[in-house]
Amino acid sequence: MTTRHQLNNTELANHTFLQDMYDDDYFPPKLVQKGENILVELCRQIETEQPENLDALYELTHAATERFNELAEEFDENDSEIETVARDTIATDMEYIAQSYGFEDADIEELVAPRDW
């Protein structure tokens, strides 16, 4: 069976991250793909490092959020931006990732705390 992403978590391996952004022509597909890659890499880090508590998880999600902060500049350069739809989609996917790895108590706002979008 072929999976979308090479992840151990089978639920996430077949998940399309940032689907609402892919569905909206306002967001350049190549940049949405870069965002999806950030989330897939986050999943790989969680699988590799196996954070033992929320603080350790937040360190990983904060690093991913910083990468989205950098990606926001590319959206701006392409007459797009990480706005309401994108913010909600990114945060919701981060929460989905956290829950899929057993962190049901993860706070959605804390997952993306260093965001500047």
PDB file of N, CA and C in Angstrom:
ATOM      1  N   MET A   1       0.830  -1.184   0.000  1.00  0.00           N
ATOM      2  CA  MET A   1       0.000   0.000   0.000  1.00  0.00           C
ATOM      3  C   MET A   1       0.878   1.252   0.000  1.00  0.00           C
ATOM      4  N   THR A   2       0.577   2.171  -0.869  1.00  0.00           N
ATOM      5  CA  THR A   2       1.319   3.417  -0.961  1.00  0.00           C
ATOM      6  C   THR A   2       0.698   4.443  -0.035  1.00  0.00           C
ATOM      7  N   THR A   3       1.549   5.188   0.658  1.00  0.00           N
ATOM      8  CA  THR A   3       1.059   6.249   1.534  1.00  0.00           C
ATOM      9  C   THR A   3       1.521   7.590   0.985  1.00  0.00           C
ATOM     10  N   ARG A   4       0.837   8.627   1.388  1.00  0.00           N
ATOM     11  CA  ARG A   4       1.160   9.982   0.928  1.00  0.00           C
ATOM     12  C   ARG A   4       2.497  10.446   1.511  1.00  0.00           C
ATOM     13  N   HIS A   5       2.706  10.150   2.783  1.00  0.00           N
ATOM     14  CA  HIS A   5       3.933  10.541   3.482  1.00  0.00           C
ATOM     15  C   HIS A   5       4.551   9.297   4.107  1.00  0.00           C
ATOM     16  N   GLN A   6       5.858   9.283   4.182  1.00  0.00           N
ATOM     17  CA  GLN A   6       6.530   8.154   4.817  1.00  0.00           C
ATOM     18  C   GLN A   6       6.617   8.410   6.321  1.00  0.00           C
ATOM     19  N   LEU A   7       5.544   8.063   7.001  1.00  0.00           N
ATOM     20  CA  LEU A   7       5.462   8.232   8.450  1.00  0.00           C
ATOM     21  C   LEU A   7       5.032   6.916   9.074  1.00  0.00           C
ATOM     22  N   ASN A   8       5.430   6.695  10.313  1.00  0.00           N
ATOM     23  CA  ASN A   8       5.021   5.491  11.029  1.00  0.00           C
ATOM     24  C   ASN A   8       3.559   5.547  11.439  1.00  0.00           C
ATOM     25  N   ASN A   9       3.065   6.738  11.741  1.00  0.00           N
ATOM     26  CA  ASN A   9       1.672   6.915  12.138  1.00  0.00           C
ATOM     27  C   ASN A   9       0.820   6.791  10.881  1.00  0.00           C
ATOM     28  N   THR A  10       0.085   5.685  10.761  1.00  0.00           N
ATOM     29  CA  THR A  10      -0.654   5.414   9.529  1.00  0.00           C
ATOM     30  C   THR A  10      -1.752   6.442   9.266  1.00  0.00           C
ATOM     31  N   GLU A  11      -2.357   6.971  10.306  1.00  0.00           N
ATOM     32  CA  GLU A  11      -3.393   7.983  10.131  1.00  0.00           C
ATOM     33  C   GLU A  11      -2.815   9.238   9.469  1.00  0.00           C
ATOM     34  N   LEU A  12      -1.636   9.654   9.919  1.00  0.00           N
ATOM     35  CA  LEU A  12      -1.000  10.848   9.367  1.00  0.00           C
ATOM     36  C   LEU A  12      -0.306  10.572   8.039  1.00  0.00           C
ATOM     37  N   ALA A  13       0.113   9.335   7.832  1.00  0.00           N
ATOM     38  CA  ALA A  13       0.822   8.992   6.596  1.00  0.00           C
ATOM     39  C   ALA A  13      -0.045   9.230   5.364  1.00  0.00           C
ATOM     40  N   ASN A  14      -1.355   9.150   5.512  1.00  0.00           N
ATOM     41  CA  ASN A  14      -2.264   9.332   4.384  1.00  0.00           C
ATOM     42  C   ASN A  14      -3.020  10.663   4.432  1.00  0.00           C
ATOM     43  N   HIS A  15      -2.690  11.496   5.397  1.00  0.00           N
ATOM     44  CA  HIS A  15      -3.408  12.760   5.580  1.00  0.00           C
ATOM     45  C   HIS A  15      -2.864  13.838   4.643  1.00  0.00           C
ATOM     46  N   THR A  16      -3.763  14.623   4.060  1.00  0.00           N
ATOM     47  CA  THR A  16      -3.343  15.792   3.295  1.00  0.00           C
ATOM     48  C   THR A  16      -3.368  16.982   4.241  1.00  0.00           C
ATOM     49  N   PHE A  17      -2.204  17.442   4.615  1.00  0.00           N
ATOM     50  CA  PHE A  17      -2.102  18.605   5.479  1.00  0.00           C
ATOM     51  C   PHE A  17      -2.439  19.854   4.673  1.00  0.00           C
ATOM     52  N   LEU A  18      -2.979  20.852   5.348  1.00  0.00           N
ATOM     53  CA  LEU A  18      -3.295  22.158   4.763  1.00  0.00           C
ATOM     54  C   LEU A  18      -4.303  22.061   3.618  1.00  0.00           C
ATOM     55  N   GLN A  19      -5.233  21.117   3.719  1.00  0.00           N
ATOM     56  CA  GLN A  19      -6.201  20.882   2.648  1.00  0.00           C
ATOM     57  C   GLN A  19      -6.976  22.144   2.283  1.00  0.00           C
ATOM     58  N   ASP A  20      -7.413  22.918   3.276  1.00  0.00           N
ATOM     59  CA  ASP A  20      -8.183  24.133   2.984  1.00  0.00           C
ATOM     60  C   ASP A  20      -7.369  25.143   2.184  1.00  0.00           C
ATOM     61  N   MET A  21      -6.067  25.149   2.375  1.00  0.00           N
ATOM     62  CA  MET A  21      -5.209  26.050   1.607  1.00  0.00           C
ATOM     63  C   MET A  21      -5.031  25.535   0.176  1.00  0.00           C
ATOM     64  N   TYR A  22      -4.907  24.219   0.018  1.00  0.00           N
ATOM     65  CA  TYR A  22      -4.829  23.653  -1.326  1.00  0.00           C
ATOM     66  C   TYR A  22      -6.109  23.957  -2.109  1.00  0.00           C
ATOM     67  N   ASP A  23      -7.237  23.961  -1.400  1.00  0.00           N
ATOM     68  CA  ASP A  23      -8.536  24.167  -2.043  1.00  0.00           C
ATOM     69  C   ASP A  23      -8.826  25.621  -2.406  1.00  0.00           C
ATOM     70  N   ASP A  24      -7.994  26.544  -1.961  1.00  0.00           N
ATOM     71  CA  ASP A  24      -8.227  27.967  -2.165  1.00  0.00           C
ATOM     72  C   ASP A  24      -7.179  28.525  -3.128  1.00  0.00           C
ATOM     73  N   ASP A  25      -7.617  29.062  -4.264  1.00  0.00           N
ATOM     74  CA  ASP A  25      -6.701  29.580  -5.287  1.00  0.00           C
ATOM     75  C   ASP A  25      -5.859  30.764  -4.809  1.00  0.00           C
ATOM     76  N   TYR A  26      -6.222  31.354  -3.696  1.00  0.00           N
ATOM     77  CA  TYR A  26      -5.471  32.485  -3.167  1.00  0.00           C
ATOM     78  C   TYR A  26      -4.048  32.079  -2.761  1.00  0.00           C
ATOM     79  N   PHE A  27      -3.883  30.809  -2.409  1.00  0.00           N
ATOM     80  CA  PHE A  27      -2.595  30.320  -1.925  1.00  0.00           C
ATOM     81  C   PHE A  27      -1.852  29.590  -3.041  1.00  0.00           C
ATOM     82  N   PRO A  28      -0.632  30.042  -3.374  1.00  0.00           N
ATOM     83  CA  PRO A  28       0.150  29.360  -4.411  1.00  0.00           C
ATOM     84  C   PRO A  28       0.451  27.912  -4.000  1.00  0.00           C
ATOM     85  N   PRO A  29       0.059  26.950  -4.845  1.00  0.00           N
ATOM     86  CA  PRO A  29       0.248  25.536  -4.495  1.00  0.00           C
ATOM     87  C   PRO A  29       1.672  25.167  -4.092  1.00  0.00           C
ATOM     88  N   LYS A  30       2.676  25.769  -4.761  1.00  0.00           N
ATOM     89  CA  LYS A  30       4.069  25.417  -4.425  1.00  0.00           C
ATOM     90  C   LYS A  30       4.411  25.851  -3.001  1.00  0.00           C
ATOM     91  N   LEU A  31       3.809  26.948  -2.525  1.00  0.00           N
ATOM     92  CA  LEU A  31       4.065  27.404  -1.160  1.00  0.00           C
ATOM     93  C   LEU A  31       3.262  26.588  -0.143  1.00  0.00           C
ATOM     94  N   VAL A  32       2.060  26.191  -0.532  1.00  0.00           N
ATOM     95  CA  VAL A  32       1.287  25.316   0.352  1.00  0.00           C
ATOM     96  C   VAL A  32       2.035  23.997   0.525  1.00  0.00           C
ATOM     97  N   GLN A  33       2.635  23.510  -0.558  1.00  0.00           N
ATOM     98  CA  GLN A  33       3.429  22.280  -0.483  1.00  0.00           C
ATOM     99  C   GLN A  33       4.596  22.450   0.488  1.00  0.00           C
ATOM    100  N   LYS A  34       5.241  23.614   0.465  1.00  0.00           N
ATOM    101  CA  LYS A  34       6.320  23.863   1.422  1.00  0.00           C
ATOM    102  C   LYS A  34       5.785  23.820   2.849  1.00  0.00           C
ATOM    103  N   GLY A  35       4.597  24.365   3.059  1.00  0.00           N
ATOM    104  CA  GLY A  35       3.978  24.320   4.380  1.00  0.00           C
ATOM    105  C   GLY A  35       3.651  22.899   4.794  1.00  0.00           C
ATOM    106  N   GLU A  36       3.142  22.130   3.854  1.00  0.00           N
ATOM    107  CA  GLU A  36       2.846  20.726   4.152  1.00  0.00           C
ATOM    108  C   GLU A  36       4.134  19.989   4.508  1.00  0.00           C
ATOM    109  N   ASN A  37       5.208  20.300   3.817  1.00  0.00           N
ATOM    110  CA  ASN A  37       6.498  19.663   4.120  1.00  0.00           C
ATOM    111  C   ASN A  37       6.954  19.987   5.547  1.00  0.00           C
ATOM    112  N   ILE A  38       6.692  21.216   6.001  1.00  0.00           N
ATOM    113  CA  ILE A  38       7.038  21.589   7.378  1.00  0.00           C
ATOM    114  C   ILE A  38       6.290  20.683   8.360  1.00  0.00           C
ATOM    115  N   LEU A  39       5.004  20.444   8.095  1.00  0.00           N
ATOM    116  CA  LEU A  39       4.211  19.612   9.009  1.00  0.00           C
ATOM    117  C   LEU A  39       4.628  18.145   8.947  1.00  0.00           C
ATOM    118  N   VAL A  40       4.964  17.659   7.758  1.00  0.00           N
ATOM    119  CA  VAL A  40       5.444  16.275   7.639  1.00  0.00           C
ATOM    120  C   VAL A  40       6.769  16.126   8.383  1.00  0.00           C
ATOM    121  N   GLU A  41       7.641  17.110   8.258  1.00  0.00           N
ATOM    122  CA  GLU A  41       8.915  17.070   8.978  1.00  0.00           C
ATOM    123  C   GLU A  41       8.673  17.102  10.487  1.00  0.00           C
ATOM    124  N   LEU A  42       7.694  17.873  10.923  1.00  0.00           N
ATOM    125  CA  LEU A  42       7.330  17.885  12.348  1.00  0.00           C
ATOM    126  C   LEU A  42       6.930  16.483  12.797  1.00  0.00           C
ATOM    127  N   CYS A  43       6.124  15.805  12.003  1.00  0.00           N
ATOM    128  CA  CYS A  43       5.724  14.433  12.334  1.00  0.00           C
ATOM    129  C   CYS A  43       6.947  13.523  12.446  1.00  0.00           C
ATOM    130  N   ARG A  44       7.855  13.655  11.510  1.00  0.00           N
ATOM    131  CA  ARG A  44       9.076  12.826  11.542  1.00  0.00           C
ATOM    132  C   ARG A  44       9.893  13.105  12.806  1.00  0.00           C
ATOM    133  N   GLN A  45       9.979  14.382  13.180  1.00  0.00           N
ATOM    134  CA  GLN A  45      10.717  14.733  14.394  1.00  0.00           C
ATOM    135  C   GLN A  45      10.052  14.118  15.626  1.00  0.00           C
ATOM    136  N   ILE A  46       8.745  14.185  15.673  1.00  0.00           N
ATOM    137  CA  ILE A  46       8.026  13.592  16.814  1.00  0.00           C
ATOM    138  C   ILE A  46       8.280  12.088  16.853  1.00  0.00           C
ATOM    139  N   GLU A  47       8.241  11.449  15.706  1.00  0.00           N
ATOM    140  CA  GLU A  47       8.480  10.003  15.660  1.00  0.00           C
ATOM    141  C   GLU A  47       9.909   9.653  16.048  1.00  0.00           C
ATOM    142  N   THR A  48      10.859  10.475  15.674  1.00  0.00           N
ATOM    143  CA  THR A  48      12.269  10.218  15.961  1.00  0.00           C
ATOM    144  C   THR A  48      12.610  10.547  17.417  1.00  0.00           C
ATOM    145  N   GLU A  49      12.199  11.745  17.845  1.00  0.00           N
ATOM    146  CA  GLU A  49      12.590  12.214  19.179  1.00  0.00           C
ATOM    147  C   GLU A  49      11.664  11.735  20.289  1.00  0.00           C
ATOM    148  N   GLN A  50      10.454  11.361  19.931  1.00  0.00           N
ATOM    149  CA  GLN A  50       9.470  10.860  20.896  1.00  0.00           C
ATOM    150  C   GLN A  50       9.412  11.723  22.156  1.00  0.00           C
ATOM    151  N   PRO A  51       8.933  12.957  22.021  1.00  0.00           N
ATOM    152  CA  PRO A  51       8.855  13.845  23.192  1.00  0.00           C
ATOM    153  C   PRO A  51       8.037  13.199  24.306  1.00  0.00           C
ATOM    154  N   GLU A  52       8.550  13.337  25.523  1.00  0.00           N
ATOM    155  CA  GLU A  52       7.933  12.658  26.663  1.00  0.00           C
ATOM    156  C   GLU A  52       6.865  13.482  27.357  1.00  0.00           C
ATOM    157  N   ASN A  53       6.805  14.786  27.055  1.00  0.00           N
ATOM    158  CA  ASN A  53       5.802  15.628  27.706  1.00  0.00           C
ATOM    159  C   ASN A  53       5.446  16.790  26.782  1.00  0.00           C
ATOM    160  N   LEU A  54       4.465  17.579  27.209  1.00  0.00           N
ATOM    161  CA  LEU A  54       4.008  18.694  26.382  1.00  0.00           C
ATOM    162  C   LEU A  54       5.097  19.722  26.125  1.00  0.00           C
ATOM    163  N   ASP A  55       5.922  20.000  27.122  1.00  0.00           N
ATOM    164  CA  ASP A  55       6.996  20.978  26.921  1.00  0.00           C
ATOM    165  C   ASP A  55       7.930  20.550  25.794  1.00  0.00           C
ATOM    166  N   ALA A  56       8.263  19.271  25.762  1.00  0.00           N
ATOM    167  CA  ALA A  56       9.138  18.759  24.701  1.00  0.00           C
ATOM    168  C   ALA A  56       8.429  18.821  23.345  1.00  0.00           C
ATOM    169  N   LEU A  57       7.131  18.540  23.336  1.00  0.00           N
ATOM    170  CA  LEU A  57       6.365  18.655  22.095  1.00  0.00           C
ATOM    171  C   LEU A  57       6.329  20.102  21.630  1.00  0.00           C
ATOM    172  N   TYR A  58       6.077  21.025  22.554  1.00  0.00           N
ATOM    173  CA  TYR A  58       6.003  22.439  22.197  1.00  0.00           C
ATOM    174  C   TYR A  58       7.318  22.948  21.612  1.00  0.00           C
ATOM    175  N   GLU A  59       8.448  22.427  22.074  1.00  0.00           N
ATOM    176  CA  GLU A  59       9.728  22.820  21.475  1.00  0.00           C
ATOM    177  C   GLU A  59       9.739  22.485  19.989  1.00  0.00           C
ATOM    178  N   LEU A  60       9.211  21.314  19.635  1.00  0.00           N
ATOM    179  CA  LEU A  60       9.180  20.897  18.234  1.00  0.00           C
ATOM    180  C   LEU A  60       8.178  21.715  17.432  1.00  0.00           C
ATOM    181  N   THR A  61       6.987  21.941  18.007  1.00  0.00           N
ATOM    182  CA  THR A  61       5.979  22.697  17.255  1.00  0.00           C
ATOM    183  C   THR A  61       6.380  24.165  17.121  1.00  0.00           C
ATOM    184  N   HIS A  62       7.081  24.685  18.117  1.00  0.00           N
ATOM    185  CA  HIS A  62       7.536  26.074  18.024  1.00  0.00           C
ATOM    186  C   HIS A  62       8.571  26.219  16.901  1.00  0.00           C
ATOM    187  N   ALA A  63       9.444  25.260  16.762  1.00  0.00           N
ATOM    188  CA  ALA A  63      10.428  25.294  15.672  1.00  0.00           C
ATOM    189  C   ALA A  63       9.719  25.242  14.315  1.00  0.00           C
ATOM    190  N   ALA A  64       8.685  24.409  14.214  1.00  0.00           N
ATOM    191  CA  ALA A  64       7.910  24.331  12.971  1.00  0.00           C
ATOM    192  C   ALA A  64       7.191  25.656  12.711  1.00  0.00           C
ATOM    193  N   THR A  65       6.679  26.264  13.763  1.00  0.00           N
ATOM    194  CA  THR A  65       5.999  27.551  13.626  1.00  0.00           C
ATOM    195  C   THR A  65       6.963  28.619  13.130  1.00  0.00           C
ATOM    196  N   GLU A  66       8.200  28.590  13.619  1.00  0.00           N
ATOM    197  CA  GLU A  66       9.215  29.538  13.155  1.00  0.00           C
ATOM    198  C   GLU A  66       9.470  29.355  11.656  1.00  0.00           C
ATOM    199  N   ARG A  67       9.423  28.117  11.201  1.00  0.00           N
ATOM    200  CA  ARG A  67       9.602  27.868   9.763  1.00  0.00           C
ATOM    201  C   ARG A  67       8.426  28.446   8.978  1.00  0.00           C
ATOM    202  N   PHE A  68       7.217  28.373   9.537  1.00  0.00           N
ATOM    203  CA  PHE A  68       6.069  29.015   8.894  1.00  0.00           C
ATOM    204  C   PHE A  68       6.232  30.541   8.894  1.00  0.00           C
ATOM    205  N   ASN A  69       6.813  31.087   9.958  1.00  0.00           N
ATOM    206  CA  ASN A  69       7.073  32.528   9.988  1.00  0.00           C
ATOM    207  C   ASN A  69       7.957  32.931   8.803  1.00  0.00           C
ATOM    208  N   GLU A  70       8.978  32.137   8.523  1.00  0.00           N
ATOM    209  CA  GLU A  70       9.861  32.406   7.390  1.00  0.00           C
ATOM    210  C   GLU A  70       9.116  32.234   6.068  1.00  0.00           C
ATOM    211  N   LEU A  71       8.269  31.209   5.993  1.00  0.00           N
ATOM    212  CA  LEU A  71       7.506  30.941   4.775  1.00  0.00           C
ATOM    213  C   LEU A  71       6.505  32.062   4.500  1.00  0.00           C
ATOM    214  N   ALA A  72       6.040  32.733   5.533  1.00  0.00           N
ATOM    215  CA  ALA A  72       5.080  33.833   5.360  1.00  0.00           C
ATOM    216  C   ALA A  72       5.644  34.903   4.429  1.00  0.00           C
ATOM    217  N   GLU A  73       6.950  35.120   4.482  1.00  0.00           N
ATOM    218  CA  GLU A  73       7.582  36.104   3.599  1.00  0.00           C
ATOM    219  C   GLU A  73       7.428  35.708   2.131  1.00  0.00           C
ATOM    220  N   GLU A  74       7.551  34.408   1.858  1.00  0.00           N
ATOM    221  CA  GLU A  74       7.387  33.934   0.484  1.00  0.00           C
ATOM    222  C   GLU A  74       5.942  34.113   0.016  1.00  0.00           C
ATOM    223  N   PHE A  75       4.993  33.889   0.911  1.00  0.00           N
ATOM    224  CA  PHE A  75       3.590  34.136   0.554  1.00  0.00           C
ATOM    225  C   PHE A  75       3.413  35.602   0.183  1.00  0.00           C
ATOM    226  N   ASP A  76       3.972  36.497   0.992  1.00  0.00           N
ATOM    227  CA  ASP A  76       3.868  37.932   0.714  1.00  0.00           C
ATOM    228  C   ASP A  76       4.458  38.275  -0.652  1.00  0.00           C
ATOM    229  N   GLU A  77       5.593  37.682  -0.973  1.00  0.00           N
ATOM    230  CA  GLU A  77       6.261  37.943  -2.245  1.00  0.00           C
ATOM    231  C   GLU A  77       5.453  37.434  -3.434  1.00  0.00           C
ATOM    232  N   ASN A  78       4.500  36.548  -3.183  1.00  0.00           N
ATOM    233  CA  ASN A  78       3.679  35.958  -4.239  1.00  0.00           C
ATOM    234  C   ASN A  78       2.233  36.436  -4.171  1.00  0.00           C
ATOM    235  N   ASP A  79       2.042  37.658  -3.667  1.00  0.00           N
ATOM    236  CA  ASP A  79       0.712  38.283  -3.591  1.00  0.00           C
ATOM    237  C   ASP A  79      -0.297  37.424  -2.836  1.00  0.00           C
ATOM    238  N   SER A  80       0.170  36.817  -1.776  1.00  0.00           N
ATOM    239  CA  SER A  80      -0.676  36.012  -0.908  1.00  0.00           C
ATOM    240  C   SER A  80      -0.215  36.296   0.511  1.00  0.00           C
ATOM    241  N   GLU A  81      -0.866  35.707   1.478  1.00  0.00           N
ATOM    242  CA  GLU A  81      -0.410  35.851   2.855  1.00  0.00           C
ATOM    243  C   GLU A  81      -1.000  34.746   3.713  1.00  0.00           C
ATOM    244  N   ILE A  82      -0.366  34.528   4.852  1.00  0.00           N
ATOM    245  CA  ILE A  82      -0.921  33.592   5.824  1.00  0.00           C
ATOM    246  C   ILE A  82      -1.938  34.399   6.628  1.00  0.00           C
ATOM    247  N   GLU A  83      -3.203  34.296   6.184  1.00  0.00           N
ATOM    248  CA  GLU A  83      -4.285  35.045   6.795  1.00  0.00           C
ATOM    249  C   GLU A  83      -5.223  34.083   7.527  1.00  0.00           C
ATOM    250  N   THR A  84      -6.459  34.479   7.739  1.00  0.00           N
ATOM    251  CA  THR A  84      -7.368  33.730   8.604  1.00  0.00           C
ATOM    252  C   THR A  84      -7.493  32.258   8.232  1.00  0.00           C
ATOM    253  N   VAL A  85      -7.787  31.962   6.981  1.00  0.00           N
ATOM    254  CA  VAL A  85      -7.944  30.565   6.558  1.00  0.00           C
ATOM    255  C   VAL A  85      -6.653  29.797   6.820  1.00  0.00           C
ATOM    256  N   ALA A  86      -5.541  30.384   6.424  1.00  0.00           N
ATOM    257  CA  ALA A  86      -4.248  29.719   6.597  1.00  0.00           C
ATOM    258  C   ALA A  86      -3.912  29.535   8.069  1.00  0.00           C
ATOM    259  N   ARG A  87      -4.118  30.573   8.881  1.00  0.00           N
ATOM    260  CA  ARG A  87      -3.822  30.468  10.321  1.00  0.00           C
ATOM    261  C   ARG A  87      -4.617  29.333  10.953  1.00  0.00           C
ATOM    262  N   ASP A  88      -5.909  29.295  10.651  1.00  0.00           N
ATOM    263  CA  ASP A  88      -6.764  28.251  11.216  1.00  0.00           C
ATOM    264  C   ASP A  88      -6.343  26.868  10.737  1.00  0.00           C
ATOM    265  N   THR A  89      -6.027  26.767   9.464  1.00  0.00           N
ATOM    266  CA  THR A  89      -5.651  25.475   8.886  1.00  0.00           C
ATOM    267  C   THR A  89      -4.343  24.966   9.488  1.00  0.00           C
ATOM    268  N   ILE A  90      -3.358  25.831   9.596  1.00  0.00           N
ATOM    269  CA  ILE A  90      -2.062  25.437  10.163  1.00  0.00           C
ATOM    270  C   ILE A  90      -2.230  25.018  11.619  1.00  0.00           C
ATOM    271  N   ALA A  91      -2.907  25.845  12.407  1.00  0.00           N
ATOM    272  CA  ALA A  91      -3.077  25.542  13.834  1.00  0.00           C
ATOM    273  C   ALA A  91      -3.885  24.267  14.036  1.00  0.00           C
ATOM    274  N   THR A  92      -4.931  24.092  13.255  1.00  0.00           N
ATOM    275  CA  THR A  92      -5.765  22.890  13.379  1.00  0.00           C
ATOM    276  C   THR A  92      -4.969  21.643  13.015  1.00  0.00           C
ATOM    277  N   ASP A  93      -4.148  21.732  11.964  1.00  0.00           N
ATOM    278  CA  ASP A  93      -3.311  20.581  11.599  1.00  0.00           C
ATOM    279  C   ASP A  93      -2.267  20.289  12.673  1.00  0.00           C
ATOM    280  N   MET A  94      -1.702  21.324  13.285  1.00  0.00           N
ATOM    281  CA  MET A  94      -0.746  21.095  14.387  1.00  0.00           C
ATOM    282  C   MET A  94      -1.439  20.389  15.549  1.00  0.00           C
ATOM    283  N   GLU A  95      -2.650  20.810  15.847  1.00  0.00           N
ATOM    284  CA  GLU A  95      -3.408  20.167  16.927  1.00  0.00           C
ATOM    285  C   GLU A  95      -3.712  18.718  16.560  1.00  0.00           C
ATOM    286  N   TYR A  96      -4.079  18.459  15.323  1.00  0.00           N
ATOM    287  CA  TYR A  96      -4.361  17.104  14.849  1.00  0.00           C
ATOM    288  C   TYR A  96      -3.116  16.224  14.973  1.00  0.00           C
ATOM    289  N   ILE A  97      -1.971  16.775  14.608  1.00  0.00           N
ATOM    290  CA  ILE A  97      -0.711  16.041  14.742  1.00  0.00           C
ATOM    291  C   ILE A  97      -0.467  15.708  16.212  1.00  0.00           C
ATOM    292  N   ALA A  98      -0.578  16.697  17.090  1.00  0.00           N
ATOM    293  CA  ALA A  98      -0.339  16.472  18.522  1.00  0.00           C
ATOM    294  C   ALA A  98      -1.258  15.370  19.050  1.00  0.00           C
ATOM    295  N   GLN A  99      -2.527  15.449  18.717  1.00  0.00           N
ATOM    296  CA  GLN A  99      -3.486  14.450  19.203  1.00  0.00           C
ATOM    297  C   GLN A  99      -3.195  13.076  18.617  1.00  0.00           C
ATOM    298  N   SER A 100      -2.769  13.037  17.368  1.00  0.00           N
ATOM    299  CA  SER A 100      -2.472  11.757  16.718  1.00  0.00           C
ATOM    300  C   SER A 100      -1.275  11.054  17.340  1.00  0.00           C
ATOM    301  N   TYR A 101      -0.420  11.820  18.001  1.00  0.00           N
ATOM    302  CA  TYR A 101       0.732  11.231  18.688  1.00  0.00           C
ATOM    303  C   TYR A 101       0.498  11.120  20.191  1.00  0.00           C
ATOM    304  N   GLY A 102      -0.756  11.235  20.614  1.00  0.00           N
ATOM    305  CA  GLY A 102      -1.100  10.980  22.016  1.00  0.00           C
ATOM    306  C   GLY A 102      -1.076  12.185  22.932  1.00  0.00           C
ATOM    307  N   PHE A 103      -0.933  13.375  22.373  1.00  0.00           N
ATOM    308  CA  PHE A 103      -0.908  14.587  23.201  1.00  0.00           C
ATOM    309  C   PHE A 103      -2.271  15.284  23.130  1.00  0.00           C
ATOM    310  N   GLU A 104      -3.285  14.610  23.688  1.00  0.00           N
ATOM    311  CA  GLU A 104      -4.654  15.118  23.633  1.00  0.00           C
ATOM    312  C   GLU A 104      -4.825  16.425  24.393  1.00  0.00           C
ATOM    313  N   ASP A 105      -3.954  16.704  25.354  1.00  0.00           N
ATOM    314  CA  ASP A 105      -4.075  17.918  26.166  1.00  0.00           C
ATOM    315  C   ASP A 105      -3.312  19.101  25.589  1.00  0.00           C
ATOM    316  N   ALA A 106      -2.729  18.940  24.420  1.00  0.00           N
ATOM    317  CA  ALA A 106      -1.964  20.045  23.820  1.00  0.00           C
ATOM    318  C   ALA A 106      -2.886  21.234  23.558  1.00  0.00           C
ATOM    319  N   ASP A 107      -2.414  22.411  23.911  1.00  0.00           N
ATOM    320  CA  ASP A 107      -3.165  23.641  23.707  1.00  0.00           C
ATOM    321  C   ASP A 107      -2.871  24.191  22.318  1.00  0.00           C
ATOM    322  N   ILE A 108      -3.921  24.400  21.528  1.00  0.00           N
ATOM    323  CA  ILE A 108      -3.740  24.819  20.136  1.00  0.00           C
ATOM    324  C   ILE A 108      -2.978  26.140  20.037  1.00  0.00           C
ATOM    325  N   GLU A 109      -3.238  27.059  20.944  1.00  0.00           N
ATOM    326  CA  GLU A 109      -2.535  28.346  20.914  1.00  0.00           C
ATOM    327  C   GLU A 109      -1.063  28.195  21.294  1.00  0.00           C
ATOM    328  N   GLU A 110      -0.786  27.312  22.235  1.00  0.00           N
ATOM    329  CA  GLU A 110       0.604  27.095  22.649  1.00  0.00           C
ATOM    330  C   GLU A 110       1.392  26.373  21.553  1.00  0.00           C
ATOM    331  N   LEU A 111       0.725  25.502  20.784  1.00  0.00           N
ATOM    332  CA  LEU A 111       1.408  24.786  19.718  1.00  0.00           C
ATOM    333  C   LEU A 111       2.041  25.753  18.719  1.00  0.00           C
ATOM    334  N   VAL A 112       1.370  26.878  18.474  1.00  0.00           N
ATOM    335  CA  VAL A 112       1.839  27.849  17.478  1.00  0.00           C
ATOM    336  C   VAL A 112       2.199  29.184  18.117  1.00  0.00           C
ATOM    337  N   ALA A 113       2.575  29.152  19.382  1.00  0.00           N
ATOM    338  CA  ALA A 113       2.801  30.385  20.168  1.00  0.00           C
ATOM    339  C   ALA A 113       3.751  31.389  19.510  1.00  0.00           C
ATOM    340  N   PRO A 114       4.862  30.967  18.887  1.00  0.00           N
ATOM    341  CA  PRO A 114       5.777  31.992  18.340  1.00  0.00           C
ATOM    342  C   PRO A 114       5.348  32.542  16.965  1.00  0.00           C
ATOM    343  N   ARG A 115       4.136  32.270  16.545  1.00  0.00           N
ATOM    344  CA  ARG A 115       3.712  32.711  15.208  1.00  0.00           C
ATOM    345  C   ARG A 115       3.688  34.232  15.116  1.00  0.00           C
ATOM    346  N   ASP A 116       3.994  34.743  13.945  1.00  0.00           N
ATOM    347  CA  ASP A 116       3.851  36.173  13.703  1.00  0.00           C
ATOM    348  C   ASP A 116       2.902  36.411  12.532  1.00  0.00           C
ATOM    349  N   TRP A 117       2.011  35.466  12.324  1.00  0.00           N
ATOM    350  CA  TRP A 117       0.993  35.568  11.279  1.00  0.00           C
ATOM    351  C   TRP A 117      -0.378  35.466  11.901  1.00  0.00           C
TER     352      TRP A 117
END
